[in-house]
N, C-alpha and C. Protein backbone atom coordinates (compact mmCIF):
# COMPACT_ATOMS: atom_id res chain seq x y z
N MET A 1 193.35 100.98 -148.98
CA MET A 1 193.45 99.55 -149.17
C MET A 1 194.70 99.05 -148.45
N ILE A 2 194.58 97.88 -147.85
CA ILE A 2 195.68 97.26 -147.13
C ILE A 2 196.04 95.96 -147.84
N LYS A 3 197.31 95.82 -148.20
CA LYS A 3 197.79 94.61 -148.85
C LYS A 3 198.87 94.00 -147.97
N VAL A 4 198.71 92.70 -147.63
CA VAL A 4 199.66 92.01 -146.77
C VAL A 4 200.33 90.91 -147.57
N GLU A 5 201.65 90.89 -147.53
CA GLU A 5 202.42 89.88 -148.25
C GLU A 5 203.40 89.23 -147.27
N ARG A 6 203.36 87.91 -147.18
CA ARG A 6 204.27 87.18 -146.29
C ARG A 6 205.66 87.14 -146.93
N LEU A 7 206.67 87.56 -146.17
CA LEU A 7 208.05 87.51 -146.65
C LEU A 7 208.75 86.25 -146.17
N ASP A 8 208.46 85.86 -144.93
CA ASP A 8 208.96 84.60 -144.38
C ASP A 8 208.02 84.19 -143.24
N GLU A 9 208.44 83.25 -142.42
CA GLU A 9 207.56 82.70 -141.38
C GLU A 9 207.03 83.76 -140.42
N THR A 10 207.82 84.79 -140.13
CA THR A 10 207.41 85.77 -139.13
C THR A 10 207.37 87.21 -139.63
N THR A 11 207.70 87.43 -140.89
CA THR A 11 207.82 88.80 -141.41
C THR A 11 206.85 89.04 -142.56
N PHE A 12 206.20 90.20 -142.52
CA PHE A 12 205.20 90.55 -143.52
C PHE A 12 205.46 91.95 -144.05
N LYS A 13 205.22 92.12 -145.33
CA LYS A 13 205.27 93.44 -145.95
C LYS A 13 203.83 93.92 -146.08
N VAL A 14 203.57 95.11 -145.58
CA VAL A 14 202.23 95.69 -145.63
C VAL A 14 202.28 96.97 -146.44
N THR A 15 201.43 97.04 -147.45
CA THR A 15 201.30 98.24 -148.25
C THR A 15 199.94 98.86 -147.95
N VAL A 16 199.95 100.13 -147.60
CA VAL A 16 198.71 100.85 -147.32
C VAL A 16 198.54 101.92 -148.39
N GLU A 17 197.49 101.76 -149.18
CA GLU A 17 197.19 102.76 -150.21
C GLU A 17 196.15 103.72 -149.67
N ALA A 18 196.56 104.93 -149.49
CA ALA A 18 195.68 106.00 -149.02
C ALA A 18 196.06 107.24 -149.81
N ARG A 19 195.89 108.41 -149.21
CA ARG A 19 196.30 109.64 -149.90
C ARG A 19 197.76 109.52 -150.34
N LYS A 20 198.59 108.95 -149.45
CA LYS A 20 199.98 108.64 -149.76
C LYS A 20 200.19 107.15 -149.47
N THR A 21 200.77 106.42 -150.41
CA THR A 21 201.01 104.99 -150.21
C THR A 21 202.25 104.80 -149.34
N THR A 22 202.11 103.89 -148.35
CA THR A 22 203.23 103.59 -147.46
C THR A 22 203.47 102.09 -147.42
N GLU A 23 204.71 101.73 -147.11
CA GLU A 23 205.07 100.32 -146.95
C GLU A 23 205.65 100.12 -145.55
N HIS A 24 205.31 98.97 -144.97
CA HIS A 24 205.71 98.67 -143.61
C HIS A 24 206.19 97.22 -143.55
N GLU A 25 207.14 96.97 -142.68
CA GLU A 25 207.59 95.60 -142.43
C GLU A 25 207.19 95.26 -140.99
N VAL A 26 206.40 94.20 -140.85
CA VAL A 26 205.86 93.84 -139.55
C VAL A 26 206.29 92.41 -139.21
N MET A 27 206.77 92.24 -137.99
CA MET A 27 207.16 90.93 -137.52
C MET A 27 206.19 90.47 -136.44
N VAL A 28 205.80 89.20 -136.52
CA VAL A 28 204.96 88.61 -135.47
C VAL A 28 205.43 87.18 -135.24
N ASP A 29 205.85 86.90 -134.01
CA ASP A 29 206.31 85.54 -133.74
C ASP A 29 205.11 84.63 -133.47
N ARG A 30 205.36 83.35 -133.58
CA ARG A 30 204.30 82.34 -133.49
C ARG A 30 203.52 82.43 -132.17
N SER A 31 204.24 82.62 -131.06
CA SER A 31 203.56 82.64 -129.76
C SER A 31 202.60 83.82 -129.64
N TYR A 32 202.99 84.99 -130.15
CA TYR A 32 202.10 86.15 -130.08
C TYR A 32 200.90 85.97 -131.02
N TYR A 33 201.16 85.43 -132.18
CA TYR A 33 200.08 85.10 -133.11
C TYR A 33 199.06 84.19 -132.44
N GLU A 34 199.55 83.12 -131.79
CA GLU A 34 198.66 82.17 -131.11
C GLU A 34 197.90 82.84 -129.97
N LYS A 35 198.58 83.70 -129.23
CA LYS A 35 197.95 84.41 -128.11
C LYS A 35 196.75 85.23 -128.58
N LEU A 36 196.91 85.91 -129.71
CA LEU A 36 195.83 86.78 -130.20
C LEU A 36 194.75 86.06 -130.98
N THR A 37 195.12 84.99 -131.67
CA THR A 37 194.16 84.36 -132.60
C THR A 37 193.75 82.95 -132.22
N GLY A 38 194.53 82.30 -131.37
CA GLY A 38 194.26 80.89 -131.08
C GLY A 38 194.43 80.03 -132.33
N GLY A 39 195.09 80.57 -133.33
CA GLY A 39 195.29 79.83 -134.58
C GLY A 39 194.06 79.77 -135.47
N ARG A 40 193.03 80.55 -135.15
CA ARG A 40 191.75 80.49 -135.88
C ARG A 40 191.76 81.20 -137.23
N VAL A 41 192.68 82.13 -137.41
CA VAL A 41 192.75 82.88 -138.67
C VAL A 41 194.19 82.90 -139.16
N PRO A 42 194.40 83.10 -140.45
CA PRO A 42 195.78 83.20 -140.96
C PRO A 42 196.48 84.43 -140.37
N ALA A 43 197.79 84.36 -140.28
CA ALA A 43 198.56 85.50 -139.77
C ALA A 43 198.32 86.75 -140.60
N GLU A 44 198.13 86.57 -141.91
CA GLU A 44 197.87 87.73 -142.77
C GLU A 44 196.61 88.47 -142.34
N THR A 45 195.60 87.73 -141.88
CA THR A 45 194.37 88.36 -141.41
C THR A 45 194.63 89.15 -140.14
N LEU A 46 195.42 88.59 -139.24
CA LEU A 46 195.78 89.31 -138.02
C LEU A 46 196.49 90.61 -138.36
N ILE A 47 197.41 90.57 -139.28
CA ILE A 47 198.15 91.77 -139.67
C ILE A 47 197.21 92.80 -140.31
N GLU A 48 196.35 92.34 -141.20
CA GLU A 48 195.41 93.26 -141.87
C GLU A 48 194.50 93.93 -140.86
N ARG A 49 193.92 93.15 -139.94
CA ARG A 49 193.02 93.72 -138.93
C ARG A 49 193.79 94.67 -138.00
N SER A 50 195.05 94.35 -137.73
CA SER A 50 195.87 95.23 -136.89
C SER A 50 196.07 96.58 -137.56
N PHE A 51 196.24 96.57 -138.88
CA PHE A 51 196.38 97.83 -139.60
C PHE A 51 195.05 98.57 -139.66
N GLU A 52 193.95 97.86 -139.75
CA GLU A 52 192.64 98.53 -139.68
C GLU A 52 192.51 99.23 -138.33
N PHE A 53 192.91 98.54 -137.27
CA PHE A 53 192.90 99.11 -135.92
C PHE A 53 193.74 100.40 -135.89
N LEU A 54 194.96 100.31 -136.41
CA LEU A 54 195.84 101.48 -136.40
C LEU A 54 195.28 102.63 -137.22
N LEU A 55 194.73 102.32 -138.39
CA LEU A 55 194.23 103.37 -139.28
C LEU A 55 193.00 104.08 -138.73
N GLU A 56 192.31 103.45 -137.77
CA GLU A 56 191.20 104.12 -137.10
C GLU A 56 191.72 105.17 -136.12
N ARG A 57 193.01 105.09 -135.79
CA ARG A 57 193.59 105.95 -134.77
C ARG A 57 194.64 106.93 -135.28
N GLU A 58 195.20 106.65 -136.46
CA GLU A 58 196.24 107.53 -137.00
C GLU A 58 196.36 107.32 -138.50
N PRO A 59 196.91 108.31 -139.21
CA PRO A 59 197.09 108.15 -140.66
C PRO A 59 198.22 107.15 -140.94
N ASN A 60 198.17 106.54 -142.11
CA ASN A 60 199.19 105.55 -142.47
C ASN A 60 200.60 106.14 -142.45
N THR A 61 200.73 107.42 -142.69
CA THR A 61 202.06 108.04 -142.69
C THR A 61 202.64 108.15 -141.28
N SER A 62 201.82 107.95 -140.25
CA SER A 62 202.30 107.99 -138.86
C SER A 62 202.66 106.60 -138.32
N ILE A 63 202.29 105.57 -139.04
CA ILE A 63 202.57 104.20 -138.59
C ILE A 63 204.05 103.90 -138.82
N LEU A 64 204.67 103.28 -137.83
CA LEU A 64 206.09 102.93 -137.94
C LEU A 64 206.34 102.12 -139.20
N ARG A 65 207.49 102.32 -139.81
CA ARG A 65 207.83 101.61 -141.05
C ARG A 65 208.25 100.17 -140.79
N ARG A 66 208.79 99.90 -139.60
CA ARG A 66 209.23 98.55 -139.26
C ARG A 66 208.99 98.33 -137.77
N PHE A 67 208.24 97.27 -137.42
CA PHE A 67 207.97 97.03 -136.01
C PHE A 67 207.50 95.60 -135.77
N ASP A 68 207.65 95.18 -134.51
CA ASP A 68 207.10 93.91 -134.06
C ASP A 68 205.67 94.17 -133.63
N LEU A 69 204.76 93.28 -133.98
CA LEU A 69 203.34 93.51 -133.72
C LEU A 69 203.02 93.88 -132.27
N PRO A 70 203.67 93.29 -131.25
CA PRO A 70 203.33 93.67 -129.87
C PRO A 70 203.56 95.15 -129.55
N VAL A 71 204.34 95.84 -130.37
CA VAL A 71 204.61 97.27 -130.14
C VAL A 71 203.31 98.08 -130.17
N ILE A 72 202.33 97.62 -130.94
CA ILE A 72 201.06 98.36 -131.03
C ILE A 72 200.47 98.57 -129.63
N GLY A 73 200.54 97.53 -128.80
CA GLY A 73 199.99 97.61 -127.44
C GLY A 73 200.70 98.62 -126.56
N GLN A 74 201.94 98.95 -126.88
CA GLN A 74 202.66 99.96 -126.11
C GLN A 74 202.11 101.35 -126.38
N TYR A 75 201.61 101.56 -127.59
CA TYR A 75 201.02 102.85 -127.96
C TYR A 75 199.52 102.89 -127.67
N PHE A 76 198.87 101.74 -127.83
CA PHE A 76 197.42 101.65 -127.67
C PHE A 76 197.11 100.46 -126.77
N PRO A 77 196.98 100.68 -125.45
CA PRO A 77 196.78 99.59 -124.51
C PRO A 77 195.55 98.73 -124.79
N GLU A 78 194.59 99.26 -125.49
CA GLU A 78 193.36 98.52 -125.80
C GLU A 78 193.53 97.56 -126.97
N TYR A 79 194.70 97.55 -127.60
CA TYR A 79 194.93 96.78 -128.83
C TYR A 79 194.57 95.30 -128.70
N GLU A 80 195.15 94.60 -127.74
CA GLU A 80 194.95 93.15 -127.68
C GLU A 80 193.48 92.78 -127.50
N GLY A 81 192.79 93.46 -126.60
CA GLY A 81 191.37 93.17 -126.40
C GLY A 81 190.54 93.47 -127.63
N THR A 82 190.84 94.59 -128.26
CA THR A 82 190.09 95.00 -129.45
C THR A 82 190.35 94.06 -130.62
N ILE A 83 191.60 93.67 -130.82
CA ILE A 83 191.91 92.82 -131.98
C ILE A 83 191.28 91.45 -131.82
N ARG A 84 191.23 90.95 -130.61
CA ARG A 84 190.56 89.65 -130.38
C ARG A 84 189.09 89.73 -130.79
N LYS A 85 188.43 90.83 -130.43
CA LYS A 85 187.02 91.00 -130.80
C LYS A 85 186.86 91.14 -132.32
N MET A 86 187.79 91.85 -132.95
CA MET A 86 187.73 92.04 -134.40
C MET A 86 187.88 90.70 -135.14
N LEU A 87 188.57 89.76 -134.53
CA LEU A 87 188.83 88.48 -135.18
C LEU A 87 187.80 87.41 -134.87
N GLU A 88 186.84 87.71 -134.00
CA GLU A 88 185.81 86.72 -133.66
C GLU A 88 184.86 86.48 -134.82
């Protein structure tokens, strides 16, 4: 289970309950949010879908504890294209 909680305008706390529960702090600035979503979905949805994307590729214990959302694309070049499709 993925739980997303907004801490402030650009920062979110994400709790992933799996075999081992992990917590992550994720930052996403407004321009990157707009680039990926066009403003069509809440930022929390973008974060949740991004974690679904990550969990298809690695266990929650391997996900960075604190990161800016664009970092995902550095590890997984297909991220931006895939996340756009997931949000359609």
